[in-house]
Amino acid sequence: MKLTFEHGKLYIDNVRFCHYEVTQDGSKDLQPGSYPVEARYAHNFGRVLPFIDGIGFAGDDDLCAIVVGRVRSQRGLLPDGHLVRVLVDAIEAAHETDVQVLAEIV
């Protein structure tokens, strides 16, 4: 399974999934390349979140390296916890069937 991060949009296997923003805790400019992804328990957040090796956690909290959401406002992206849960479920399902999950930063 491929998660493509391109110009503020996240795609799952080339299908648009949601918007994303890199937070202050993440690198301002994500380095292009491929990074392994897994669903990992995040002690700081008390739940399982997508973890992109070399980048950090993706989630609906401003303390994550990448925040995902569906709606943009004048203040920025509105985080969406439901999207995070759907993303975690997809990552876990891929790993259960031995499908490698990669984040492709474009």
C-alpha atoms as a PDB file:
ATOM      1  CA  MET A   1       0.000   0.000   0.000  1.00  0.00           C
ATOM      2  CA  LYS A   2       1.335   3.423  -0.878  1.00  0.00           C
ATOM      3  CA  LEU A   3       0.556   6.649   0.970  1.00  0.00           C
ATOM      4  CA  THR A   4       1.514   9.572  -1.241  1.00  0.00           C
ATOM      5  CA  PHE A   5       2.013  12.986   0.354  1.00  0.00           C
ATOM      6  CA  GLU A   6       1.918  15.585  -2.385  1.00  0.00           C
ATOM      7  CA  HIS A   7       1.258  19.337  -2.163  1.00  0.00           C
ATOM      8  CA  GLY A   8      -0.915  19.143   0.956  1.00  0.00           C
ATOM      9  CA  LYS A   9      -2.930  16.140  -0.218  1.00  0.00           C
ATOM     10  CA  LEU A  10      -2.668  12.551   0.968  1.00  0.00           C
ATOM     11  CA  TYR A  11      -3.456   9.740  -1.462  1.00  0.00           C
ATOM     12  CA  ILE A  12      -3.877   6.059  -0.646  1.00  0.00           C
ATOM     13  CA  ASP A  13      -2.913   3.923  -3.636  1.00  0.00           C
ATOM     14  CA  ASN A  14      -3.412   6.922  -5.937  1.00  0.00           C
ATOM     15  CA  VAL A  15      -6.904   7.742  -4.592  1.00  0.00           C
ATOM     16  CA  ARG A  16      -7.256  11.106  -2.835  1.00  0.00           C
ATOM     17  CA  PHE A  17      -7.897  10.516   0.862  1.00  0.00           C
ATOM     18  CA  CYS A  18      -7.537  13.852   2.673  1.00  0.00           C
ATOM     19  CA  HIS A  19      -5.451  16.969   3.254  1.00  0.00           C
ATOM     20  CA  TYR A  20      -2.372  17.131   5.441  1.00  0.00           C
ATOM     21  CA  GLU A  21      -0.131  19.754   7.021  1.00  0.00           C
ATOM     22  CA  VAL A  22       3.328  19.430   8.467  1.00  0.00           C
ATOM     23  CA  THR A  23       3.432  20.832  12.005  1.00  0.00           C
ATOM     24  CA  GLN A  24       6.192  22.643  13.845  1.00  0.00           C
ATOM     25  CA  ASP A  25       7.181  19.314  15.424  1.00  0.00           C
ATOM     26  CA  GLY A  26       7.687  17.876  11.947  1.00  0.00           C
ATOM     27  CA  SER A  27      10.223  19.002   9.412  1.00  0.00           C
ATOM     28  CA  LYS A  28       9.025  22.142   7.623  1.00  0.00           C
ATOM     29  CA  ASP A  29       9.904  20.580   4.296  1.00  0.00           C
ATOM     30  CA  LEU A  30       9.438  16.837   4.079  1.00  0.00           C
ATOM     31  CA  GLN A  31      12.346  15.263   2.254  1.00  0.00           C
ATOM     32  CA  PRO A  32      11.256  13.464  -0.929  1.00  0.00           C
ATOM     33  CA  GLY A  33      11.582   9.711  -0.781  1.00  0.00           C
ATOM     34  CA  SER A  34       9.959   6.501   0.438  1.00  0.00           C
ATOM     35  CA  TYR A  35       9.499   5.780   4.135  1.00  0.00           C
ATOM     36  CA  PRO A  36       8.146   2.647   5.862  1.00  0.00           C
ATOM     37  CA  VAL A  37       4.835   3.130   7.691  1.00  0.00           C
ATOM     38  CA  GLU A  38       3.318   1.165  10.543  1.00  0.00           C
ATOM     39  CA  ALA A  39       0.497   1.559  13.031  1.00  0.00           C
ATOM     40  CA  ARG A  40       2.281   2.116  16.336  1.00  0.00           C
ATOM     41  CA  TYR A  41       1.151   2.897  19.868  1.00  0.00           C
ATOM     42  CA  ALA A  42       2.008   6.531  20.637  1.00  0.00           C
ATOM     43  CA  HIS A  43       2.558   6.901  24.377  1.00  0.00           C
ATOM     44  CA  ASN A  44       2.281  10.711  24.188  1.00  0.00           C
ATOM     45  CA  PHE A  45      -1.186  10.419  22.641  1.00  0.00           C
ATOM     46  CA  GLY A  46      -2.382   7.254  24.391  1.00  0.00           C
ATOM     47  CA  ARG A  47      -3.473   5.468  21.224  1.00  0.00           C
ATOM     48  CA  VAL A  48      -2.343   3.845  18.005  1.00  0.00           C
ATOM     49  CA  LEU A  49      -1.393   6.266  15.217  1.00  0.00           C
ATOM     50  CA  PRO A  50       0.301   5.968  11.827  1.00  0.00           C
ATOM     51  CA  PHE A  51       4.078   6.187  12.290  1.00  0.00           C
ATOM     52  CA  ILE A  52       6.233   7.177   9.323  1.00  0.00           C
ATOM     53  CA  ASP A  53       9.808   6.071   9.935  1.00  0.00           C
ATOM     54  CA  GLY A  54      12.137   9.062   9.744  1.00  0.00           C
ATOM     55  CA  ILE A  55       9.298  11.586   9.978  1.00  0.00           C
ATOM     56  CA  GLY A  56       7.127  10.783  13.000  1.00  0.00           C
ATOM     57  CA  PHE A  57       3.482  10.284  13.849  1.00  0.00           C
ATOM     58  CA  ALA A  58       0.576  11.380  11.663  1.00  0.00           C
ATOM     59  CA  GLY A  59      -2.669  12.187  13.437  1.00  0.00           C
ATOM     60  CA  ASP A  60      -5.245  14.706  14.491  1.00  0.00           C
ATOM     61  CA  ASP A  61      -3.120  16.444  17.136  1.00  0.00           C
ATOM     62  CA  ASP A  62      -0.907  19.485  16.540  1.00  0.00           C
ATOM     63  CA  LEU A  63       1.895  17.664  18.378  1.00  0.00           C
ATOM     64  CA  CYS A  64       2.065  15.055  15.602  1.00  0.00           C
ATOM     65  CA  ALA A  65       4.619  15.644  12.843  1.00  0.00           C
ATOM     66  CA  ILE A  66       1.816  15.518  10.259  1.00  0.00           C
ATOM     67  CA  VAL A  67      -1.815  16.486  10.874  1.00  0.00           C
ATOM     68  CA  VAL A  68      -4.547  15.053   8.660  1.00  0.00           C
ATOM     69  CA  GLY A  69      -7.967  16.526   8.040  1.00  0.00           C
ATOM     70  CA  ARG A  70     -10.718  17.022   5.540  1.00  0.00           C
ATOM     71  CA  VAL A  71     -11.512  20.747   5.857  1.00  0.00           C
ATOM     72  CA  ARG A  72      -9.275  23.803   5.581  1.00  0.00           C
ATOM     73  CA  SER A  73     -10.225  26.992   7.411  1.00  0.00           C
ATOM     74  CA  GLN A  74      -8.666  30.440   7.508  1.00  0.00           C
ATOM     75  CA  ARG A  75      -6.544  29.214  10.433  1.00  0.00           C
ATOM     76  CA  GLY A  76      -5.375  26.099   8.634  1.00  0.00           C
ATOM     77  CA  LEU A  77      -6.340  22.464   8.456  1.00  0.00           C
ATOM     78  CA  LEU A  78      -9.025  21.196  10.842  1.00  0.00           C
ATOM     79  CA  PRO A  79      -7.791  17.861  12.269  1.00  0.00           C
ATOM     80  CA  ASP A  80     -10.104  14.868  11.801  1.00  0.00           C
ATOM     81  CA  GLY A  81      -9.886  11.942  14.218  1.00  0.00           C
ATOM     82  CA  HIS A  82     -12.159   9.763  12.095  1.00  0.00           C
ATOM     83  CA  LEU A  83      -9.727   9.984   9.158  1.00  0.00           C
ATOM     84  CA  VAL A  84      -6.883   8.958  11.459  1.00  0.00           C
ATOM     85  CA  ARG A  85      -8.829   5.869  12.592  1.00  0.00           C
ATOM     86  CA  VAL A  86      -9.606   4.912   8.962  1.00  0.00           C
ATOM     87  CA  LEU A  87      -5.930   5.330   8.071  1.00  0.00           C
ATOM     88  CA  VAL A  88      -4.794   3.204  11.043  1.00  0.00           C
ATOM     89  CA  ASP A  89      -7.318   0.500  10.104  1.00  0.00           C
ATOM     90  CA  ALA A  90      -6.027   0.458   6.504  1.00  0.00           C
ATOM     91  CA  ILE A  91      -2.401   0.213   7.658  1.00  0.00           C
ATOM     92  CA  GLU A  92      -3.211  -2.604  10.110  1.00  0.00           C
ATOM     93  CA  ALA A  93      -5.187  -4.496   7.450  1.00  0.00           C
ATOM     94  CA  ALA A  94      -2.283  -4.209   5.007  1.00  0.00           C
ATOM     95  CA  HIS A  95       0.201  -5.494   7.580  1.00  0.00           C
ATOM     96  CA  GLU A  96      -2.085  -8.419   8.471  1.00  0.00           C
ATOM     97  CA  THR A  97      -1.896  -9.562   4.847  1.00  0.00           C
ATOM     98  CA  ASP A  98       1.887  -8.953   4.697  1.00  0.00           C
ATOM     99  CA  VAL A  99       1.516  -5.959   2.390  1.00  0.00           C
ATOM    100  CA  GLN A 100       4.262  -3.386   2.926  1.00  0.00           C
ATOM    101  CA  VAL A 101       3.043   0.160   3.568  1.00  0.00           C
ATOM    102  CA  LEU A 102       5.230   2.981   2.271  1.00  0.00           C
ATOM    103  CA  ALA A 103       4.864   6.732   2.492  1.00  0.00           C
ATOM    104  CA  GLU A 104       5.999   8.423  -0.697  1.00  0.00           C
ATOM    105  CA  ILE A 105       6.906  12.074  -0.181  1.00  0.00           C
ATOM    106  CA  VAL A 106       6.747  13.888  -3.506  1.00  0.00           C
END
